[in-house]
Amino acid sequence: MKMSLPKVLVADPVSQRGVEELAVGGALEVTVQTGLKEAELIARIPEFSALVVRSQTKVTAAVLDAAKKLKVVGRAGVGVDNVDVDAATRHGVIVMNTPGGNTISTAEHAFSLLMSIARSIPQADASVKAGKWDRKKYEGVELYNKTLGILGMGRIGTELARRAIAFGMRVVAYDPYLSLTRARSLQVELVEEVDALVPQADFLTMHMPLTDETRHMLDARCLGLCKKGVRIVNCARGGLIDEAALGEALKSGQVAAAALDVYEVEPPPADFALRPLPNIVFTPHLGASTAEAQENVGIEIAQAIRAALLEGEIRNAVNMPSIDAKTAALVKPYLTLGDKIGRFVAQLAPKRNDRIVITYGGKAVEMPTEAISRAILTGFLKNVGGEEVNSVNVRTMASTLGLNVEEIRSSEQTDFNEWLHVAVFSGESQVSVGGTFFGAKNDPRIVRVNGRPVEVTPSGVVLLLENKDRPGLVGHIGTLLGKENINIASMSLSRTEQGGFALTLLNLDSLPDAAVLSRLTADSDITAARVISL
């Protein structure tokens, strides 16, 4: 009886080269059917082992529930916003993307928009086509000797900076995670705060992920700090700019011109308030829309899917490390612990760091440390890159930020059979967190914070206090939290000596707000209070 071939459904338009790459050798049966509604996709998906999408098709939990044979979802692009990754993980479906495939195309598109708003090219083109000859009206400005402010110096921001410098622009950048050494090598001036950058910039361009920290980064207050007549480009994420505030600034002349490739709602609604303004340029999310970029991501995702279905090899996985199944089962507890340690130490460290040192001890030195290090880095850099950070691209992101990663296999004897330790250095300062496992179930625990012995479950809300060791202080903390209806699940105390410096860590059942932290630090014996969310 003839064995049936694994089937691949291409549900969004990808390059012909990508489709051909999937079908090469006849080992896979490839079907191209685009424009499917959710109900149609649910009806078709049960027979397929792999699904290829771009941004149009939504891979929802309902689709994944129906996908009985599905092993791989391949996103021909960077973001996976249209894929329910948690549902895919629950179903054992690997989600893959193509990190870096559209870097050049997006950088070039952003620079094209920069040129367009400097010289009012789209408006002038429309005017001539309408039979007019308004040379005076469309007088522009030069890029030469102007200051370009770049918000976000990842791959795309870096490529844009190179192009701007070639045009004789001064480049000032804000990226709280970029090291000073990396900034110097790129010939850009690094500032500590957005508020220090925007007053200097003649042009602003945005290249940051959309996170809670970056949403509406350019709001009415920030736009008010800009030079009058600043020009703004956004090819990153729509929510980075408060569109209502931008509209008012364009009307008042505070912003001379803007160019948007991304929007808070895509496509923008019919009553989109920015649409009638004469000093703004729109493109329909074209950053990655070049023949080269689409061919690159099409081929890349095709090769990754072939490797997964035919060879069991995992590349560019968003929801699991790129290792074989047997090793994955062995290393899984370490991946969980590593991610938690990375998240923990990221919330202790300053934003800008030079070096991260990952130390493996005891039995941990026998593990495949590359996968674990990537899990640690993914946890550590999650706030930098948002959902686009994964175990595949995390080392590239660290390198882009100038963060040197060192790994040590230690022979040091400790109280633990196996342990991980992560130290982060920023200039002369250092923070560190160490972890291990307790019990037969390999329950993860944080057992060192800044060199101090503790015992903390790395989940939920952890309140970290630095305080003086004095009688009654623990009771005072418990009473204050109790009044706010915040329950303490567990507590760990570590002191240098009786009456000396102490570190107090509490697992809490709910999140204390800023007012609670202020009340805690109002006690002169509590020098710091910090919430760690895990």
Protein backbone atom coordinates (compact mmCIF):
# COMPACT_ATOMS: atom_id res chain seq x y z
CA MET A 1 0.00 0.00 0.00
CA LYS A 2 1.39 3.37 -1.03
CA MET A 3 2.23 5.72 1.82
CA SER A 4 0.56 9.13 1.59
CA LEU A 5 2.84 12.15 1.52
CA PRO A 6 2.78 14.82 4.23
CA LYS A 7 0.55 17.66 3.00
CA VAL A 8 1.37 21.36 3.17
CA LEU A 9 -1.26 24.08 2.79
CA VAL A 10 -0.05 27.50 1.62
CA ALA A 11 -2.87 29.76 2.81
CA ASP A 12 -1.35 33.19 2.02
CA PRO A 13 0.55 34.41 -1.05
CA VAL A 14 4.25 33.53 -0.85
CA SER A 15 6.88 33.71 -3.57
CA GLN A 16 6.79 31.10 -6.33
CA ARG A 17 10.35 30.15 -5.39
CA GLY A 18 9.10 29.35 -1.89
CA VAL A 19 6.33 27.09 -3.25
CA GLU A 20 8.83 25.37 -5.54
CA GLU A 21 11.22 24.86 -2.62
CA LEU A 22 8.44 23.11 -0.67
CA ALA A 23 7.66 20.78 -3.56
CA VAL A 24 11.23 19.97 -4.64
CA GLY A 25 11.90 16.22 -4.84
CA GLY A 26 8.22 15.32 -4.54
CA ALA A 27 8.49 14.44 -0.85
CA LEU A 28 5.66 16.79 0.15
CA GLU A 29 2.23 17.35 -1.37
CA VAL A 30 1.77 21.12 -1.65
CA THR A 31 -1.61 22.85 -2.01
CA VAL A 32 -1.91 26.60 -2.57
CA GLN A 33 -5.29 27.99 -1.56
CA THR A 34 -5.36 31.58 -0.40
CA GLY A 35 -8.10 33.85 0.93
CA LEU A 36 -9.77 31.21 3.10
CA LYS A 37 -12.19 32.43 5.76
CA GLU A 38 -11.82 30.90 9.23
CA ALA A 39 -14.67 28.42 8.71
CA GLU A 40 -13.21 27.36 5.35
CA LEU A 41 -9.76 26.91 6.88
CA ILE A 42 -11.23 24.85 9.73
CA ALA A 43 -12.88 22.59 7.15
CA ARG A 44 -9.67 22.14 5.14
CA ILE A 45 -6.97 21.97 7.82
CA PRO A 46 -7.55 18.42 9.24
CA GLU A 47 -5.69 16.73 6.36
CA PHE A 48 -2.56 18.92 6.46
CA SER A 49 0.71 18.42 8.33
CA ALA A 50 1.97 21.98 7.78
CA LEU A 51 0.42 25.38 7.21
CA VAL A 52 2.18 28.35 5.61
CA VAL A 53 0.83 31.86 6.27
CA ARG A 54 1.90 35.46 6.08
CA SER A 55 -0.15 38.08 7.95
CA GLN A 56 -3.60 37.73 6.36
CA THR A 57 -4.68 34.30 7.60
CA LYS A 58 -5.49 34.05 11.31
CA VAL A 59 -4.38 30.78 12.86
CA THR A 60 -6.82 30.78 15.77
CA ALA A 61 -7.40 28.30 18.57
CA ALA A 62 -10.43 27.01 16.66
CA VAL A 63 -8.27 26.32 13.60
CA LEU A 64 -5.69 24.53 15.73
CA ASP A 65 -8.40 22.49 17.46
CA ALA A 66 -9.46 21.19 14.04
CA ALA A 67 -5.90 20.53 12.84
CA LYS A 68 -5.59 16.87 13.82
CA LYS A 69 -2.45 16.17 11.76
CA LEU A 70 -0.79 19.59 11.98
CA LYS A 71 2.83 19.59 13.08
CA VAL A 72 4.13 22.94 11.86
CA VAL A 73 2.83 26.47 11.26
CA GLY A 74 5.27 28.50 9.19
CA ARG A 75 4.96 32.29 9.19
CA ALA A 76 6.73 33.83 6.16
CA GLY A 77 7.73 36.95 8.07
CA VAL A 78 8.86 38.07 11.51
CA GLY A 79 5.80 38.70 13.67
CA VAL A 80 3.45 35.90 14.70
CA ASP A 81 0.59 38.13 15.90
CA ASN A 82 -1.84 36.22 13.66
CA VAL A 83 -0.94 32.85 15.20
CA ASP A 84 -2.26 31.71 18.58
CA VAL A 85 1.13 30.46 19.77
CA ASP A 86 -0.16 29.29 23.15
CA ALA A 87 -2.85 27.17 21.51
CA ALA A 88 -0.29 25.81 19.04
CA THR A 89 2.02 24.86 21.90
CA ARG A 90 -0.81 23.11 23.72
CA HIS A 91 -1.49 21.07 20.58
CA GLY A 92 2.19 20.26 20.11
CA VAL A 93 2.39 22.34 16.93
CA ILE A 94 5.69 24.04 16.19
CA VAL A 95 5.41 27.69 15.17
CA MET A 96 8.24 28.94 12.96
CA ASN A 97 9.01 32.36 11.51
CA THR A 98 11.70 33.99 9.37
CA PRO A 99 13.64 36.42 11.56
CA GLY A 100 15.70 38.96 9.67
CA GLY A 101 14.26 38.26 6.23
CA ASN A 102 12.83 41.76 5.77
CA THR A 103 15.52 43.87 7.49
CA ILE A 104 16.89 45.55 4.36
CA SER A 105 13.51 46.04 2.71
CA THR A 106 12.03 47.74 5.79
CA ALA A 107 15.11 49.93 6.34
CA GLU A 108 15.01 51.02 2.68
CA HIS A 109 11.26 51.71 2.86
CA ALA A 110 11.71 53.84 5.98
CA PHE A 111 14.50 55.79 4.27
CA SER A 112 12.33 56.25 1.17
CA LEU A 113 9.59 57.73 3.33
CA LEU A 114 12.18 59.95 5.00
CA MET A 115 13.13 61.34 1.59
CA SER A 116 9.48 61.66 0.59
CA ILE A 117 8.52 63.88 3.51
CA ALA A 118 11.73 65.91 3.23
CA ARG A 119 10.80 66.94 -0.33
CA SER A 120 6.98 66.46 -0.34
CA ILE A 121 7.38 64.08 -3.27
CA PRO A 122 3.95 62.35 -3.12
CA GLN A 123 2.14 65.68 -2.79
CA ALA A 124 4.13 67.26 -5.60
CA ASP A 125 3.48 64.26 -7.84
CA ALA A 126 -0.28 64.51 -7.20
CA SER A 127 -0.18 68.25 -7.91
CA VAL A 128 1.52 67.87 -11.29
CA LYS A 129 -0.85 65.05 -12.24
CA ALA A 130 -3.72 67.41 -11.40
CA GLY A 131 -2.33 69.91 -13.95
CA LYS A 132 -0.72 72.30 -11.46
CA TRP A 133 2.84 73.67 -11.24
CA ASP A 134 3.29 74.75 -7.59
CA ARG A 135 7.07 74.84 -7.26
CA LYS A 136 7.04 77.31 -4.37
CA LYS A 137 4.47 75.32 -2.40
CA TYR A 138 6.59 72.17 -2.36
CA GLU A 139 9.91 73.64 -1.32
CA GLY A 140 11.61 70.95 0.76
CA VAL A 141 14.52 70.50 3.15
CA GLU A 142 17.84 68.67 2.78
CA LEU A 143 18.88 65.67 4.81
CA TYR A 144 22.52 66.78 4.77
CA ASN A 145 23.67 68.17 8.15
CA LYS A 146 20.30 67.41 9.73
CA THR A 147 19.86 65.37 12.90
CA LEU A 148 18.06 62.05 12.63
CA GLY A 149 16.65 60.62 15.86
CA ILE A 150 16.24 56.85 15.80
CA LEU A 151 14.05 55.22 18.45
CA GLY A 152 15.23 51.61 18.54
CA MET A 153 18.60 50.37 17.28
CA GLY A 154 17.83 46.78 16.40
CA ARG A 155 18.53 45.29 12.97
CA ILE A 156 16.38 47.76 11.04
CA GLY A 157 17.40 50.82 13.06
CA THR A 158 21.04 49.88 12.53
CA GLU A 159 20.62 49.60 8.74
CA LEU A 160 18.77 52.91 8.61
CA ALA A 161 21.52 54.63 10.62
CA ARG A 162 24.13 53.47 8.10
CA ARG A 163 22.14 54.96 5.24
CA ALA A 164 21.54 58.23 7.06
CA ILE A 165 25.24 58.62 7.90
CA ALA A 166 26.06 58.05 4.21
CA PHE A 167 23.77 61.03 3.44
CA GLY A 168 25.71 63.25 5.84
CA MET A 169 23.19 63.15 8.68
CA ARG A 170 24.04 63.26 12.36
CA VAL A 171 22.39 60.27 14.04
CA VAL A 172 21.21 60.34 17.64
CA ALA A 173 19.68 57.14 19.00
CA TYR A 174 17.61 56.01 21.95
CA ASP A 175 17.72 52.35 22.84
CA PRO A 176 17.86 51.54 26.54
CA TYR A 177 19.40 48.16 25.79
CA LEU A 178 22.15 49.18 23.34
CA SER A 179 25.66 49.21 24.82
CA LEU A 180 27.87 52.30 24.50
CA THR A 181 30.53 50.24 22.73
CA ARG A 182 28.05 49.12 20.07
CA ALA A 183 26.80 52.70 19.63
CA ARG A 184 30.33 53.98 19.06
CA SER A 185 30.99 51.28 16.47
CA LEU A 186 27.85 52.39 14.60
CA GLN A 187 28.92 56.07 14.77
CA VAL A 188 25.72 57.11 16.51
CA GLU A 189 25.26 59.26 19.60
CA LEU A 190 23.38 57.43 22.33
CA VAL A 191 21.07 59.22 24.76
CA GLU A 192 19.60 57.91 28.00
CA GLU A 193 16.00 59.07 27.59
CA VAL A 194 13.51 59.73 24.80
CA ASP A 195 13.04 63.21 26.26
CA ALA A 196 16.74 63.91 25.63
CA LEU A 197 16.51 62.81 22.00
CA VAL A 198 13.37 64.41 20.57
CA PRO A 199 14.36 68.08 21.12
CA GLN A 200 17.49 67.50 19.01
CA ALA A 201 15.89 65.72 16.04
CA ASP A 202 14.96 67.28 12.71
CA PHE A 203 13.69 63.85 11.67
CA LEU A 204 12.40 61.00 13.87
CA THR A 205 12.06 57.36 12.86
CA MET A 206 10.78 54.49 14.97
CA HIS A 207 12.09 50.91 15.03
CA MET A 208 10.94 49.41 18.33
CA PRO A 209 8.64 46.50 19.15
CA LEU A 210 5.21 47.29 20.57
CA THR A 211 5.26 46.50 24.29
CA ASP A 212 3.62 47.98 27.36
CA GLU A 213 6.74 50.11 27.72
CA THR A 214 6.70 51.48 24.16
CA ARG A 215 2.95 51.88 23.47
CA HIS A 216 2.19 55.52 22.61
CA MET A 217 5.85 56.39 23.11
CA LEU A 218 5.20 59.46 20.96
CA ASP A 219 2.22 61.00 22.73
CA ALA A 220 1.07 64.62 23.01
CA ARG A 221 3.60 65.39 25.75
CA CYS A 222 6.52 63.91 23.83
CA LEU A 223 5.51 65.55 20.55
CA GLY A 224 5.40 68.86 22.42
CA LEU A 225 9.08 68.40 23.33
CA CYS A 226 10.08 68.02 19.67
CA LYS A 227 11.56 70.77 17.55
CA LYS A 228 8.83 72.73 15.81
CA GLY A 229 8.70 71.38 12.27
CA VAL A 230 10.02 67.90 13.04
CA ARG A 231 9.31 65.17 10.47
CA ILE A 232 8.34 61.67 11.65
CA VAL A 233 8.45 58.20 10.04
CA ASN A 234 6.97 54.99 11.48
CA CYS A 235 7.52 51.64 9.74
CA ALA A 236 7.59 49.59 12.95
CA ARG A 237 4.30 49.21 14.84
CA GLY A 238 1.21 51.40 14.73
CA GLY A 239 0.72 51.69 18.48
CA LEU A 240 4.07 53.39 19.00
CA ILE A 241 2.47 56.73 18.06
CA ASP A 242 -0.66 58.24 19.58
CA GLU A 243 -2.41 58.92 16.26
CA ALA A 244 -4.82 61.46 17.74
CA ALA A 245 -1.93 63.45 19.20
CA LEU A 246 -0.04 63.20 15.90
CA GLY A 247 -3.05 64.62 14.05
CA GLU A 248 -3.18 67.67 16.31
CA ALA A 249 0.57 68.21 15.97
CA LEU A 250 0.33 68.02 12.16
CA LYS A 251 -2.49 70.56 12.14
CA SER A 252 -0.62 73.00 14.40
CA GLY A 253 2.67 72.73 12.51
CA GLN A 254 4.52 71.31 15.51
CA VAL A 255 5.09 68.33 13.21
CA ALA A 256 5.81 69.51 9.67
CA ALA A 257 5.17 66.14 8.04
CA ALA A 258 4.78 62.47 8.85
CA ALA A 259 4.88 59.18 6.98
CA LEU A 260 3.16 56.04 8.25
CA ASP A 261 3.43 52.49 6.99
CA VAL A 262 1.75 51.00 10.09
CA TYR A 263 -1.39 51.95 11.99
CA GLU A 264 -3.14 51.32 15.28
CA VAL A 265 -5.97 49.70 13.29
CA GLU A 266 -5.12 48.03 9.98
CA PRO A 267 -6.48 48.83 7.52
CA PRO A 268 -7.43 52.28 8.87
CA PRO A 269 -11.21 52.84 9.06
CA ALA A 270 -13.08 54.95 6.52
CA ASP A 271 -13.30 57.84 9.00
CA PHE A 272 -9.57 57.72 9.81
CA ALA A 273 -8.89 61.22 11.16
CA LEU A 274 -5.40 61.52 9.67
CA ARG A 275 -6.48 60.70 6.12
CA PRO A 276 -7.51 64.25 4.99
CA LEU A 277 -4.36 65.98 6.28
CA PRO A 278 -2.16 67.32 3.47
CA ASN A 279 1.18 66.89 5.25
CA ILE A 280 1.13 63.14 5.81
CA VAL A 281 2.12 60.23 3.57
CA PHE A 282 0.57 56.76 3.88
CA THR A 283 1.66 53.36 2.61
CA PRO A 284 -0.28 50.12 3.28
CA HIS A 285 2.23 48.25 5.49
CA LEU A 286 4.77 47.80 2.70
CA GLY A 287 7.93 47.54 4.81
CA ALA A 288 8.56 43.91 3.86
CA SER A 289 6.98 44.17 0.40
CA THR A 290 9.88 43.80 -1.97
CA ALA A 291 10.42 40.97 -4.40
CA GLU A 292 13.72 40.13 -2.70
CA ALA A 293 12.28 40.10 0.83
CA GLN A 294 9.27 38.00 -0.16
CA GLU A 295 11.46 35.56 -2.05
CA ASN A 296 13.86 35.33 0.89
CA VAL A 297 11.18 34.65 3.49
CA GLY A 298 9.34 32.26 1.17
CA ILE A 299 12.43 30.15 0.58
CA GLU A 300 13.49 30.34 4.23
CA ILE A 301 10.15 29.14 5.60
CA ALA A 302 9.93 26.41 2.94
CA GLN A 303 13.34 25.05 3.91
CA ALA A 304 12.44 25.15 7.62
CA ILE A 305 9.18 23.25 7.03
CA ARG A 306 10.91 20.62 4.89
CA ALA A 307 13.55 20.12 7.60
CA ALA A 308 10.87 19.70 10.27
CA LEU A 309 8.60 17.30 8.34
CA LEU A 310 11.23 15.22 6.57
CA GLU A 311 14.22 15.27 8.93
CA GLY A 312 12.79 16.12 12.34
CA GLU A 313 15.03 19.17 12.53
CA ILE A 314 13.59 22.33 14.09
CA ARG A 315 14.69 25.75 12.81
CA ASN A 316 13.46 29.23 13.68
CA ALA A 317 11.01 27.89 16.24
CA VAL A 318 9.11 30.50 18.24
CA ASN A 319 7.64 28.15 20.84
CA MET A 320 10.38 25.61 21.44
CA PRO A 321 14.17 25.30 21.22
CA SER A 322 15.74 24.02 18.04
CA ILE A 323 16.76 20.57 19.30
CA ASP A 324 15.68 16.98 18.71
CA ALA A 325 12.74 15.48 20.62
CA LYS A 326 14.75 13.18 22.92
CA THR A 327 17.04 15.96 24.05
CA ALA A 328 14.10 18.35 24.44
CA ALA A 329 12.47 16.07 27.05
CA LEU A 330 15.72 15.87 29.00
CA VAL A 331 16.45 19.59 28.95
CA LYS A 332 12.89 20.92 29.41
CA PRO A 333 13.18 21.63 33.19
CA TYR A 334 16.34 23.63 32.55
CA LEU A 335 14.64 25.66 29.82
CA THR A 336 11.88 26.60 32.26
CA LEU A 337 14.35 27.49 35.03
CA GLY A 338 16.57 29.40 32.60
CA ASP A 339 13.69 31.48 31.29
CA LYS A 340 12.60 32.34 34.85
CA ILE A 341 16.14 33.31 35.90
CA GLY A 342 16.48 35.46 32.77
CA ARG A 343 13.20 37.26 33.49
CA PHE A 344 14.13 37.69 37.16
CA VAL A 345 17.58 39.16 36.58
CA ALA A 346 16.27 41.42 33.77
CA GLN A 347 13.99 43.12 36.29
CA LEU A 348 16.89 43.65 38.70
CA ALA A 349 19.40 44.91 36.13
CA PRO A 350 19.56 48.37 34.56
CA LYS A 351 18.30 48.58 30.99
CA ARG A 352 21.70 49.10 29.38
CA ASN A 353 24.18 46.28 29.99
CA ASP A 354 27.55 45.25 28.61
CA ARG A 355 27.91 41.61 29.54
CA ILE A 356 25.93 38.61 30.75
CA VAL A 357 27.74 35.62 32.24
CA ILE A 358 25.90 32.30 32.42
CA THR A 359 27.47 29.69 34.69
CA TYR A 360 26.56 25.98 34.72
CA GLY A 361 27.40 23.88 37.77
CA GLY A 362 27.08 20.28 38.91
CA LYS A 363 25.06 18.04 36.58
CA ALA A 364 24.01 21.07 34.56
CA VAL A 365 27.40 21.05 32.81
CA GLU A 366 26.33 17.80 31.11
CA MET A 367 23.25 19.40 29.54
CA PRO A 368 23.10 20.91 26.00
CA THR A 369 23.92 24.36 27.34
CA GLU A 370 23.26 26.20 24.06
CA ALA A 371 19.51 25.60 24.33
CA ILE A 372 19.51 26.62 28.00
CA SER A 373 21.55 29.76 27.36
CA ARG A 374 19.09 30.77 24.66
CA ALA A 375 16.20 30.24 27.10
CA ILE A 376 17.96 32.48 29.64
CA LEU A 377 18.62 35.17 27.02
CA THR A 378 15.04 34.97 25.75
CA GLY A 379 13.72 35.59 29.25
CA PHE A 380 16.24 38.37 29.80
CA LEU A 381 15.53 40.20 26.51
CA LYS A 382 11.75 39.72 26.43
CA ASN A 383 11.14 43.33 27.41
CA VAL A 384 13.45 44.51 24.62
CA GLY A 385 11.99 42.67 21.66
CA GLY A 386 8.52 41.74 22.85
CA GLU A 387 6.94 38.70 21.24
CA GLU A 388 9.43 38.76 18.36
CA VAL A 389 12.18 37.47 20.67
CA ASN A 390 12.62 33.72 20.51
CA SER A 391 15.29 31.11 21.02
CA VAL A 392 16.35 31.40 17.39
CA ASN A 393 16.97 35.13 17.06
CA VAL A 394 17.91 35.94 20.65
CA ARG A 395 21.69 35.67 20.17
CA THR A 396 21.50 37.96 17.14
CA MET A 397 19.49 40.44 19.19
CA ALA A 398 22.04 40.32 22.02
CA SER A 399 24.83 40.95 19.53
CA THR A 400 22.93 43.82 17.94
CA LEU A 401 22.59 45.43 21.37
CA GLY A 402 26.30 44.97 22.07
CA LEU A 403 25.56 42.54 24.91
CA ASN A 404 28.46 40.10 25.21
CA VAL A 405 27.38 36.62 26.31
CA GLU A 406 29.82 34.40 28.21
CA GLU A 407 29.24 30.82 29.29
CA ILE A 408 31.17 29.05 32.04
CA ARG A 409 31.11 25.35 33.02
CA SER A 410 32.07 25.44 36.67
CA SER A 411 33.63 22.69 38.78
CA GLU A 412 32.80 24.55 41.99
CA GLN A 413 31.30 22.37 44.71
CA THR A 414 28.09 23.74 46.22
CA ASP A 415 25.14 22.50 48.26
CA PHE A 416 23.27 21.73 45.03
CA ASN A 417 23.65 18.82 42.62
CA GLU A 418 22.85 21.02 39.61
CA TRP A 419 22.60 24.79 39.30
CA LEU A 420 22.50 27.76 36.97
CA HIS A 421 23.81 31.23 37.76
CA VAL A 422 23.37 34.40 35.70
CA ALA A 423 25.33 37.61 36.32
CA VAL A 424 24.67 40.82 34.39
CA PHE A 425 27.26 43.59 34.23
CA SER A 426 26.68 47.27 33.45
CA GLY A 427 29.93 49.17 33.79
CA GLU A 428 31.12 48.56 37.33
CA SER A 429 27.76 47.37 38.64
CA GLN A 430 26.58 43.77 38.76
CA VAL A 431 23.37 41.91 39.57
CA SER A 432 22.99 38.14 39.70
CA VAL A 433 20.47 35.36 40.21
CA GLY A 434 21.04 31.64 40.68
CA GLY A 435 18.64 28.72 40.57
CA THR A 436 18.33 24.96 40.98
CA PHE A 437 15.69 22.23 41.38
CA PHE A 438 14.02 20.84 44.50
CA GLY A 439 12.46 17.40 44.93
CA ALA A 440 11.67 14.51 42.62
CA LYS A 441 9.50 16.69 40.39
CA ASN A 442 12.38 19.06 39.57
CA ASP A 443 10.53 22.09 40.96
CA PRO A 444 12.54 25.21 40.04
CA ARG A 445 13.79 27.51 42.80
CA ILE A 446 15.73 30.76 42.94
CA VAL A 447 18.46 30.14 45.52
CA ARG A 448 20.80 33.12 45.05
CA VAL A 449 20.07 36.82 44.53
CA ASN A 450 23.11 39.08 44.29
CA GLY A 451 25.16 36.40 46.00
CA ARG A 452 22.78 36.06 48.95
CA PRO A 453 21.21 32.65 49.78
CA VAL A 454 17.41 32.66 49.39
CA GLU A 455 14.64 30.23 48.49
CA VAL A 456 11.96 31.58 46.15
CA THR A 457 9.49 29.90 43.81
CA PRO A 458 10.01 31.62 40.43
CA SER A 459 6.39 32.21 39.47
CA GLY A 460 3.73 34.90 39.80
CA VAL A 461 4.59 37.99 41.82
CA VAL A 462 7.77 38.26 43.89
CA LEU A 463 8.32 41.27 46.15
CA LEU A 464 12.00 41.98 46.82
CA LEU A 465 12.88 44.21 49.76
CA GLU A 466 16.26 45.48 50.90
CA ASN A 467 16.03 46.30 54.56
CA LYS A 468 17.75 46.52 57.92
CA ASP A 469 17.46 43.42 60.10
CA ARG A 470 15.46 44.53 63.13
CA PRO A 471 12.81 42.90 65.33
CA GLY A 472 9.24 43.51 64.22
CA LEU A 473 10.00 44.54 60.65
CA VAL A 474 8.65 41.31 59.12
CA GLY A 475 5.44 41.72 61.11
CA HIS A 476 5.20 45.35 59.95
CA ILE A 477 5.53 44.23 56.30
CA GLY A 478 2.91 41.52 56.73
CA THR A 479 0.49 43.90 58.44
CA LEU A 480 0.88 46.55 55.73
CA LEU A 481 0.29 44.03 52.94
CA GLY A 482 -2.62 42.50 54.84
CA LYS A 483 -4.34 45.86 55.05
CA GLU A 484 -4.15 46.01 51.25
CA ASN A 485 -5.62 42.48 51.02
CA ILE A 486 -2.36 41.17 49.55
CA ASN A 487 -1.67 37.63 50.73
CA ILE A 488 1.87 36.32 51.29
CA ALA A 489 2.30 32.82 49.84
CA SER A 490 5.86 32.32 51.10
CA MET A 491 8.78 34.32 52.47
CA SER A 492 12.55 34.01 52.34
CA LEU A 493 14.93 36.04 54.54
CA SER A 494 18.66 36.46 54.11
CA ARG A 495 20.81 38.66 56.35
CA THR A 496 24.50 39.45 56.58
CA GLU A 497 24.52 39.45 60.39
CA GLN A 498 22.17 40.15 63.28
CA GLY A 499 21.06 43.75 62.97
CA GLY A 500 22.81 44.10 59.62
CA PHE A 501 21.63 44.26 56.02
CA ALA A 502 18.82 41.88 55.00
CA LEU A 503 17.21 40.75 51.79
CA THR A 504 13.54 39.78 52.03
CA LEU A 505 11.70 38.04 49.19
CA LEU A 506 7.99 37.27 49.29
CA ASN A 507 5.83 35.30 46.88
CA LEU A 508 2.54 37.21 46.73
CA ASP A 509 -0.90 36.18 45.49
CA SER A 510 -1.55 39.58 43.90
CA LEU A 511 0.37 42.55 42.53
CA PRO A 512 1.07 45.47 44.89
CA ASP A 513 0.69 48.88 43.26
CA ALA A 514 3.06 51.84 43.43
CA ALA A 515 1.25 53.29 46.45
CA VAL A 516 1.90 50.11 48.46
CA LEU A 517 5.59 50.18 47.52
CA SER A 518 5.76 53.82 48.59
CA ARG A 519 4.24 52.99 51.96
CA LEU A 520 6.77 50.19 52.42
CA THR A 521 9.77 52.40 51.63
CA ALA A 522 8.39 55.14 53.87
CA ASP A 523 9.89 53.03 56.68
CA SER A 524 13.48 54.22 56.99
CA ASP A 525 14.69 50.66 57.56
CA ILE A 526 13.39 49.55 54.12
CA THR A 527 15.78 50.99 51.56
CA ALA A 528 14.27 49.46 48.41
CA ALA A 529 11.13 47.64 47.29
CA ARG A 530 10.84 46.05 43.88
CA VAL A 531 8.20 43.87 42.23
CA ILE A 532 9.41 40.99 40.03
CA SER A 533 6.72 39.59 37.73
CA LEU A 534 7.31 36.02 36.59
